[in-house]
Amino acid sequence: MTLKTEAGKVIRKARKEKKMTMVDLSEKSKVEWKYLGKIERGTANTTLDLIERLATSLDKKVKIEFE
């Protein structure tokens, strides 16, 4: 699994836990919902700044680990 795919799954799971639609998260984070869909599917190359903005919109923090 790629990092993009894993990050997308985490974002989708957090969004669904908050009972938010993609449009809800899109509006809150100021990210176009079509692009958000690509992020959730792991097909978009995104920035850490955008990941942080999505996390903030979901009341989450970003944690980076190396194993």
C-alpha atoms as a PDB file:
ATOM      1  CA  MET A   1       0.000   0.000   0.000  1.00  0.00           C
ATOM      2  CA  THR A   2       1.347   3.429  -0.891  1.00  0.00           C
ATOM      3  CA  LEU A   3       1.522   6.349   1.494  1.00  0.00           C
ATOM      4  CA  LYS A   4      -1.047   8.199  -0.655  1.00  0.00           C
ATOM      5  CA  THR A   5      -3.478   5.282  -0.412  1.00  0.00           C
ATOM      6  CA  GLU A   6      -2.985   4.887   3.323  1.00  0.00           C
ATOM      7  CA  ALA A   7      -3.435   8.624   3.969  1.00  0.00           C
ATOM      8  CA  GLY A   8      -6.593   8.638   1.855  1.00  0.00           C
ATOM      9  CA  LYS A   9      -8.075   5.767   3.852  1.00  0.00           C
ATOM     10  CA  VAL A  10      -7.319   7.537   7.131  1.00  0.00           C
ATOM     11  CA  ILE A  11      -8.953  10.747   5.899  1.00  0.00           C
ATOM     12  CA  ARG A  12     -12.047   8.900   4.622  1.00  0.00           C
ATOM     13  CA  LYS A  13     -12.405   6.982   7.898  1.00  0.00           C
ATOM     14  CA  ALA A  14     -12.106  10.168   9.983  1.00  0.00           C
ATOM     15  CA  ARG A  15     -14.625  11.957   7.750  1.00  0.00           C
ATOM     16  CA  LYS A  16     -17.140   9.123   8.069  1.00  0.00           C
ATOM     17  CA  GLU A  17     -16.640   8.941  11.849  1.00  0.00           C
ATOM     18  CA  LYS A  18     -17.626  12.634  11.974  1.00  0.00           C
ATOM     19  CA  LYS A  19     -20.643  11.781   9.779  1.00  0.00           C
ATOM     20  CA  MET A  20     -19.474  14.324   7.216  1.00  0.00           C
ATOM     21  CA  THR A  21     -20.057  14.100   3.503  1.00  0.00           C
ATOM     22  CA  MET A  22     -17.275  14.904   1.077  1.00  0.00           C
ATOM     23  CA  VAL A  23     -19.068  18.174   0.362  1.00  0.00           C
ATOM     24  CA  ASP A  24     -19.163  18.999   4.101  1.00  0.00           C
ATOM     25  CA  LEU A  25     -15.418  18.423   4.457  1.00  0.00           C
ATOM     26  CA  SER A  26     -14.759  20.208   1.186  1.00  0.00           C
ATOM     27  CA  GLU A  27     -16.544  23.338   2.382  1.00  0.00           C
ATOM     28  CA  LYS A  28     -14.935  23.269   5.813  1.00  0.00           C
ATOM     29  CA  SER A  29     -11.402  22.721   4.522  1.00  0.00           C
ATOM     30  CA  LYS A  30     -11.725  24.835   1.359  1.00  0.00           C
ATOM     31  CA  VAL A  31     -10.732  21.879  -0.840  1.00  0.00           C
ATOM     32  CA  GLU A  32     -12.679  21.123  -4.011  1.00  0.00           C
ATOM     33  CA  TRP A  33     -14.745  17.988  -3.368  1.00  0.00           C
ATOM     34  CA  LYS A  34     -13.538  16.318  -6.585  1.00  0.00           C
ATOM     35  CA  TYR A  35      -9.938  16.755  -5.467  1.00  0.00           C
ATOM     36  CA  LEU A  36     -10.866  15.483  -2.004  1.00  0.00           C
ATOM     37  CA  GLY A  37     -12.206  12.339  -3.665  1.00  0.00           C
ATOM     38  CA  LYS A  38      -8.859  11.833  -5.404  1.00  0.00           C
ATOM     39  CA  ILE A  39      -7.055  12.258  -2.094  1.00  0.00           C
ATOM     40  CA  GLU A  40      -9.325   9.710  -0.416  1.00  0.00           C
ATOM     41  CA  ARG A  41      -8.755   7.236  -3.273  1.00  0.00           C
ATOM     42  CA  GLY A  42      -5.000   7.788  -3.079  1.00  0.00           C
ATOM     43  CA  THR A  43      -4.680   9.069  -6.630  1.00  0.00           C
ATOM     44  CA  ALA A  44      -3.766  12.697  -5.887  1.00  0.00           C
ATOM     45  CA  ASN A  45      -0.348  14.038  -5.027  1.00  0.00           C
ATOM     46  CA  THR A  46      -1.057  16.463  -2.233  1.00  0.00           C
ATOM     47  CA  THR A  47       0.959  18.581   0.168  1.00  0.00           C
ATOM     48  CA  LEU A  48       1.528  18.237   3.869  1.00  0.00           C
ATOM     49  CA  ASP A  49      -0.096  21.650   4.294  1.00  0.00           C
ATOM     50  CA  LEU A  50      -3.295  20.345   2.727  1.00  0.00           C
ATOM     51  CA  ILE A  51      -3.193  17.155   4.813  1.00  0.00           C
ATOM     52  CA  GLU A  52      -2.839  19.331   7.908  1.00  0.00           C
ATOM     53  CA  ARG A  53      -5.780  21.506   6.808  1.00  0.00           C
ATOM     54  CA  LEU A  54      -7.955  18.420   6.305  1.00  0.00           C
ATOM     55  CA  ALA A  55      -6.902  17.052   9.699  1.00  0.00           C
ATOM     56  CA  THR A  56      -7.758  20.358  11.376  1.00  0.00           C
ATOM     57  CA  SER A  57     -11.161  20.360   9.668  1.00  0.00           C
ATOM     58  CA  LEU A  58     -11.729  16.867  11.077  1.00  0.00           C
ATOM     59  CA  ASP A  59     -10.541  17.885  14.587  1.00  0.00           C
ATOM     60  CA  LYS A  60      -7.536  15.577  14.221  1.00  0.00           C
ATOM     61  CA  LYS A  61      -3.785  15.998  14.459  1.00  0.00           C
ATOM     62  CA  VAL A  62      -1.247  14.733  11.956  1.00  0.00           C
ATOM     63  CA  LYS A  63       1.285  12.266  13.316  1.00  0.00           C
ATOM     64  CA  ILE A  64       4.286  11.212  11.246  1.00  0.00           C
ATOM     65  CA  GLU A  65       6.234   8.072  12.090  1.00  0.00           C
ATOM     66  CA  PHE A  66       9.001   6.142  10.454  1.00  0.00           C
ATOM     67  CA  GLU A  67       9.227   2.414  11.065  1.00  0.00           C
END
